[in-house]
Amino acid sequence: MNDPSMNGSLSNSRKTSTLAIVSLVAGLLGWTLLPWLGSFGAIITGHMARAEIRRSAGAIDGNGLAIAGLVLGWGSIIITILGILIAVMFFGGIAALLAWLGFSGQLG
């Protein structure tokens, strides 16, 4: 009955940063519904959330959420850029190979 964790006081609870939550949600959206927009939103709000959490001197929580949003945002952008580079190199390599074999512009 005298459990100190059940005293009904919320004075020791820390507020979770809203920007950190937005960063995580935007990062998830960056992988699903809004690829570039969600990723950029996750990166921007993730950095803003981490700055807010550092300035709060321990009053605001959510650093892990902000980091997760940053990782999701940057990961999506990096994978997209690498995919584009691989596609350009692949098709450029095929074009160079065909040109080297003498098939440049001759389809028939």
N, C-alpha and C. Protein backbone atom coordinates (compact mmCIF):
# COMPACT_ATOMS: atom_id res chain seq x y z
N MET A 1 0.80 -1.20 0.00
CA MET A 1 0.00 0.00 0.00
C MET A 1 0.84 1.27 0.00
N ASN A 2 1.99 1.23 0.63
CA ASN A 2 2.84 2.41 0.69
C ASN A 2 3.96 2.33 -0.34
N ASP A 3 3.62 2.04 -1.56
CA ASP A 3 4.60 1.95 -2.64
C ASP A 3 4.97 3.36 -3.07
N PRO A 4 6.27 3.72 -3.00
CA PRO A 4 6.64 5.10 -3.37
C PRO A 4 6.45 5.41 -4.85
N SER A 5 6.40 4.39 -5.68
CA SER A 5 6.19 4.66 -7.10
C SER A 5 4.72 4.95 -7.41
N MET A 6 3.84 4.72 -6.49
CA MET A 6 2.41 4.93 -6.71
C MET A 6 1.89 6.10 -5.88
N ASN A 7 2.71 7.10 -5.64
CA ASN A 7 2.27 8.20 -4.78
C ASN A 7 1.42 9.23 -5.50
N GLY A 8 1.23 9.10 -6.81
CA GLY A 8 0.36 10.01 -7.54
C GLY A 8 1.02 11.30 -7.94
N SER A 9 2.28 11.48 -7.63
CA SER A 9 2.98 12.71 -7.96
C SER A 9 3.65 12.57 -9.31
N LEU A 10 3.49 13.58 -10.15
CA LEU A 10 4.12 13.59 -11.46
C LEU A 10 5.27 14.60 -11.51
N SER A 11 5.74 15.03 -10.36
CA SER A 11 6.77 16.06 -10.34
C SER A 11 8.12 15.56 -10.85
N ASN A 12 8.37 14.26 -10.78
CA ASN A 12 9.65 13.71 -11.22
C ASN A 12 9.63 13.28 -12.68
N SER A 13 8.50 13.35 -13.34
CA SER A 13 8.44 12.91 -14.72
C SER A 13 9.01 13.98 -15.64
N ARG A 14 9.66 13.51 -16.71
CA ARG A 14 10.25 14.42 -17.68
C ARG A 14 9.39 14.44 -18.93
N LYS A 15 9.29 15.61 -19.53
CA LYS A 15 8.51 15.79 -20.74
C LYS A 15 9.30 15.28 -21.93
N THR A 16 8.63 14.57 -22.85
CA THR A 16 9.28 14.11 -24.07
C THR A 16 9.18 15.21 -25.13
N SER A 17 10.27 15.44 -25.80
CA SER A 17 10.33 16.49 -26.82
C SER A 17 9.37 16.17 -27.97
N THR A 18 8.53 17.12 -28.30
CA THR A 18 7.61 16.97 -29.42
C THR A 18 8.38 16.89 -30.73
N LEU A 19 9.45 17.65 -30.84
CA LEU A 19 10.27 17.61 -32.06
C LEU A 19 10.91 16.24 -32.26
N ALA A 20 11.26 15.57 -31.18
CA ALA A 20 11.84 14.23 -31.29
C ALA A 20 10.80 13.24 -31.81
N ILE A 21 9.57 13.37 -31.35
CA ILE A 21 8.50 12.50 -31.83
C ILE A 21 8.23 12.78 -33.31
N VAL A 22 8.19 14.06 -33.67
CA VAL A 22 7.97 14.43 -35.08
C VAL A 22 9.10 13.89 -35.95
N SER A 23 10.33 13.93 -35.45
CA SER A 23 11.47 13.41 -36.20
C SER A 23 11.33 11.92 -36.46
N LEU A 24 10.93 11.17 -35.45
CA LEU A 24 10.75 9.73 -35.61
C LEU A 24 9.63 9.42 -36.60
N VAL A 25 8.51 10.11 -36.48
CA VAL A 25 7.38 9.88 -37.39
C VAL A 25 7.76 10.27 -38.81
N ALA A 26 8.44 11.40 -38.98
CA ALA A 26 8.86 11.83 -40.31
C ALA A 26 9.87 10.84 -40.90
N GLY A 27 10.75 10.30 -40.06
CA GLY A 27 11.70 9.30 -40.54
C GLY A 27 11.01 8.04 -41.04
N LEU A 28 9.98 7.62 -40.33
CA LEU A 28 9.20 6.47 -40.79
C LEU A 28 8.45 6.79 -42.08
N LEU A 29 7.92 7.99 -42.18
CA LEU A 29 7.25 8.40 -43.41
C LEU A 29 8.22 8.50 -44.57
N GLY A 30 9.48 8.84 -44.27
CA GLY A 30 10.50 8.91 -45.30
C GLY A 30 10.79 7.56 -45.94
N TRP A 31 10.51 6.49 -45.23
CA TRP A 31 10.72 5.15 -45.77
C TRP A 31 9.46 4.60 -46.42
N THR A 32 8.30 5.24 -46.20
CA THR A 32 7.04 4.67 -46.69
C THR A 32 6.31 5.60 -47.65
N LEU A 33 5.66 6.61 -47.14
CA LEU A 33 4.73 7.41 -47.94
C LEU A 33 5.35 8.66 -48.57
N LEU A 34 6.29 9.29 -47.90
CA LEU A 34 6.87 10.56 -48.36
C LEU A 34 8.39 10.45 -48.42
N PRO A 35 8.94 9.76 -49.40
CA PRO A 35 10.37 9.44 -49.37
C PRO A 35 11.31 10.61 -49.13
N TRP A 36 11.35 11.62 -49.96
CA TRP A 36 12.32 12.69 -49.74
C TRP A 36 11.82 13.70 -48.72
N LEU A 37 10.56 14.05 -48.77
CA LEU A 37 10.01 15.05 -47.86
C LEU A 37 10.09 14.58 -46.41
N GLY A 38 9.70 13.34 -46.17
CA GLY A 38 9.77 12.80 -44.81
C GLY A 38 11.19 12.71 -44.29
N SER A 39 12.12 12.34 -45.16
CA SER A 39 13.52 12.21 -44.75
C SER A 39 14.11 13.56 -44.38
N PHE A 40 13.88 14.57 -45.20
CA PHE A 40 14.39 15.91 -44.87
C PHE A 40 13.73 16.44 -43.60
N GLY A 41 12.44 16.18 -43.45
CA GLY A 41 11.76 16.60 -42.22
C GLY A 41 12.33 15.91 -40.99
N ALA A 42 12.66 14.64 -41.11
CA ALA A 42 13.24 13.90 -39.99
C ALA A 42 14.61 14.45 -39.62
N ILE A 43 15.40 14.80 -40.62
CA ILE A 43 16.75 15.31 -40.35
C ILE A 43 16.67 16.69 -39.68
N ILE A 44 15.83 17.55 -40.22
CA ILE A 44 15.72 18.91 -39.67
C ILE A 44 15.17 18.87 -38.24
N THR A 45 14.06 18.18 -38.04
CA THR A 45 13.47 18.16 -36.70
C THR A 45 14.31 17.34 -35.72
N GLY A 46 15.04 16.35 -36.21
CA GLY A 46 15.93 15.59 -35.33
C GLY A 46 17.04 16.45 -34.76
N HIS A 47 17.66 17.27 -35.61
CA HIS A 47 18.70 18.17 -35.13
C HIS A 47 18.12 19.24 -34.20
N MET A 48 16.94 19.74 -34.53
CA MET A 48 16.30 20.73 -33.66
C MET A 48 15.96 20.12 -32.30
N ALA A 49 15.48 18.87 -32.31
CA ALA A 49 15.11 18.20 -31.06
C ALA A 49 16.34 17.96 -30.19
N ARG A 50 17.44 17.53 -30.80
CA ARG A 50 18.66 17.28 -30.01
C ARG A 50 19.18 18.58 -29.39
N ALA A 51 19.10 19.68 -30.14
CA ALA A 51 19.52 20.97 -29.58
C ALA A 51 18.60 21.38 -28.43
N GLU A 52 17.30 21.17 -28.60
CA GLU A 52 16.34 21.51 -27.55
C GLU A 52 16.60 20.68 -26.29
N ILE A 53 16.89 19.40 -26.47
CA ILE A 53 17.13 18.51 -25.33
C ILE A 53 18.42 18.91 -24.61
N ARG A 54 19.47 19.25 -25.35
CA ARG A 54 20.72 19.69 -24.72
C ARG A 54 20.53 20.98 -23.95
N ARG A 55 19.76 21.92 -24.51
CA ARG A 55 19.53 23.20 -23.83
C ARG A 55 18.67 23.06 -22.58
N SER A 56 17.86 22.01 -22.50
CA SER A 56 16.93 21.89 -21.38
C SER A 56 17.59 21.43 -20.09
N ALA A 57 18.83 21.01 -20.14
CA ALA A 57 19.58 20.56 -18.95
C ALA A 57 18.87 19.42 -18.22
N GLY A 58 18.35 18.48 -18.98
CA GLY A 58 17.74 17.30 -18.38
C GLY A 58 16.25 17.38 -18.14
N ALA A 59 15.63 18.49 -18.44
CA ALA A 59 14.19 18.64 -18.20
C ALA A 59 13.36 17.99 -19.30
N ILE A 60 13.95 17.83 -20.50
CA ILE A 60 13.22 17.25 -21.63
C ILE A 60 13.92 15.96 -22.04
N ASP A 61 13.12 14.93 -22.29
CA ASP A 61 13.62 13.63 -22.70
C ASP A 61 13.32 13.42 -24.18
N GLY A 62 13.87 12.37 -24.77
CA GLY A 62 13.55 12.04 -26.15
C GLY A 62 14.75 12.02 -27.07
N ASN A 63 15.95 11.99 -26.50
CA ASN A 63 17.15 12.00 -27.33
C ASN A 63 17.21 10.75 -28.22
N GLY A 64 16.79 9.61 -27.70
CA GLY A 64 16.78 8.39 -28.49
C GLY A 64 15.81 8.46 -29.66
N LEU A 65 14.67 9.09 -29.44
CA LEU A 65 13.70 9.26 -30.53
C LEU A 65 14.27 10.16 -31.62
N ALA A 66 14.95 11.23 -31.19
CA ALA A 66 15.55 12.15 -32.16
C ALA A 66 16.64 11.46 -32.96
N ILE A 67 17.46 10.66 -32.30
CA ILE A 67 18.52 9.94 -32.99
C ILE A 67 17.93 8.92 -33.96
N ALA A 68 16.88 8.24 -33.55
CA ALA A 68 16.23 7.28 -34.45
C ALA A 68 15.68 7.98 -35.69
N GLY A 69 15.08 9.15 -35.52
CA GLY A 69 14.59 9.92 -36.66
C GLY A 69 15.72 10.36 -37.57
N LEU A 70 16.84 10.78 -36.98
CA LEU A 70 18.00 11.17 -37.78
C LEU A 70 18.55 9.99 -38.57
N VAL A 71 18.66 8.84 -37.93
CA VAL A 71 19.19 7.65 -38.61
C VAL A 71 18.26 7.24 -39.75
N LEU A 72 16.97 7.25 -39.51
CA LEU A 72 16.02 6.90 -40.57
C LEU A 72 16.08 7.90 -41.72
N GLY A 73 16.14 9.18 -41.40
CA GLY A 73 16.20 10.20 -42.45
C GLY A 73 17.46 10.12 -43.28
N TRP A 74 18.61 10.10 -42.61
CA TRP A 74 19.88 10.03 -43.34
C TRP A 74 20.02 8.70 -44.08
N GLY A 75 19.56 7.62 -43.46
CA GLY A 75 19.64 6.31 -44.12
C GLY A 75 18.85 6.28 -45.41
N SER A 76 17.66 6.82 -45.40
CA SER A 76 16.83 6.85 -46.60
C SER A 76 17.48 7.67 -47.71
N ILE A 77 18.02 8.82 -47.35
CA ILE A 77 18.65 9.68 -48.36
C ILE A 77 19.92 9.03 -48.91
N ILE A 78 20.74 8.46 -48.05
CA ILE A 78 21.98 7.83 -48.51
C ILE A 78 21.69 6.64 -49.41
N ILE A 79 20.73 5.81 -49.03
CA ILE A 79 20.40 4.64 -49.86
C ILE A 79 19.83 5.08 -51.21
N THR A 80 19.03 6.13 -51.23
CA THR A 80 18.49 6.63 -52.49
C THR A 80 19.61 7.15 -53.40
N ILE A 81 20.52 7.93 -52.84
CA ILE A 81 21.63 8.47 -53.65
C ILE A 81 22.51 7.34 -54.16
N LEU A 82 22.82 6.35 -53.30
CA LEU A 82 23.62 5.22 -53.75
C LEU A 82 22.91 4.43 -54.85
N GLY A 83 21.60 4.26 -54.72
CA GLY A 83 20.84 3.57 -55.76
C GLY A 83 20.89 4.28 -57.09
N ILE A 84 20.77 5.61 -57.06
CA ILE A 84 20.85 6.39 -58.29
C ILE A 84 22.25 6.27 -58.91
N LEU A 85 23.29 6.38 -58.08
CA LEU A 85 24.65 6.25 -58.59
C LEU A 85 24.91 4.87 -59.18
N ILE A 86 24.42 3.83 -58.54
CA ILE A 86 24.59 2.48 -59.07
C ILE A 86 23.87 2.32 -60.40
N ALA A 87 22.66 2.86 -60.50
CA ALA A 87 21.91 2.77 -61.76
C ALA A 87 22.62 3.52 -62.88
N VAL A 88 23.14 4.72 -62.58
CA VAL A 88 23.86 5.49 -63.60
C VAL A 88 25.13 4.76 -64.02
N MET A 89 25.85 4.23 -63.06
CA MET A 89 27.07 3.50 -63.40
C MET A 89 26.77 2.23 -64.19
N PHE A 90 25.69 1.54 -63.84
CA PHE A 90 25.33 0.31 -64.55
C PHE A 90 24.98 0.61 -66.01
N PHE A 91 24.05 1.57 -66.21
CA PHE A 91 23.64 1.88 -67.57
C PHE A 91 24.74 2.59 -68.35
N GLY A 92 25.54 3.39 -67.66
CA GLY A 92 26.69 4.00 -68.31
C GLY A 92 27.72 2.95 -68.72
N GLY A 93 27.88 1.94 -67.90
CA GLY A 93 28.79 0.85 -68.23
C GLY A 93 28.30 0.05 -69.42
N ILE A 94 27.00 -0.18 -69.48
CA ILE A 94 26.44 -0.88 -70.64
C ILE A 94 26.64 -0.05 -71.90
N ALA A 95 26.40 1.26 -71.81
CA ALA A 95 26.59 2.13 -72.98
C ALA A 95 28.05 2.15 -73.41
N ALA A 96 28.97 2.21 -72.45
CA ALA A 96 30.40 2.20 -72.79
C ALA A 96 30.80 0.87 -73.42
N LEU A 97 30.26 -0.22 -72.89
CA LEU A 97 30.56 -1.54 -73.46
C LEU A 97 30.03 -1.66 -74.89
N LEU A 98 28.81 -1.20 -75.12
CA LEU A 98 28.25 -1.25 -76.47
C LEU A 98 29.02 -0.36 -77.43
N ALA A 99 29.46 0.81 -76.96
CA ALA A 99 30.26 1.70 -77.81
C ALA A 99 31.60 1.06 -78.12
N TRP A 100 32.18 0.39 -77.16
CA TRP A 100 33.47 -0.27 -77.35
C TRP A 100 33.34 -1.43 -78.35
N LEU A 101 32.18 -2.10 -78.33
CA LEU A 101 31.93 -3.21 -79.25
C LEU A 101 31.50 -2.70 -80.63
N GLY A 102 31.25 -1.42 -80.77
CA GLY A 102 30.89 -0.85 -82.06
C GLY A 102 29.40 -0.79 -82.31
N PHE A 103 28.58 -0.88 -81.30
CA PHE A 103 27.13 -0.84 -81.48
C PHE A 103 26.55 0.51 -81.12
N SER A 104 27.28 1.57 -81.29
CA SER A 104 26.80 2.88 -80.86
C SER A 104 25.72 3.40 -81.83
N GLY A 105 24.50 3.48 -81.36
CA GLY A 105 23.40 4.03 -82.13
C GLY A 105 22.84 3.15 -83.21
N GLN A 106 23.25 1.94 -83.32
CA GLN A 106 22.76 1.04 -84.38
C GLN A 106 21.86 -0.02 -83.75
N LEU A 107 20.58 0.18 -83.89
CA LEU A 107 19.64 -0.77 -83.32
C LEU A 107 19.20 -1.82 -84.33
N GLY A 108 19.34 -1.62 -85.58
CA GLY A 108 18.81 -2.55 -86.58
C GLY A 108 19.87 -3.30 -87.22
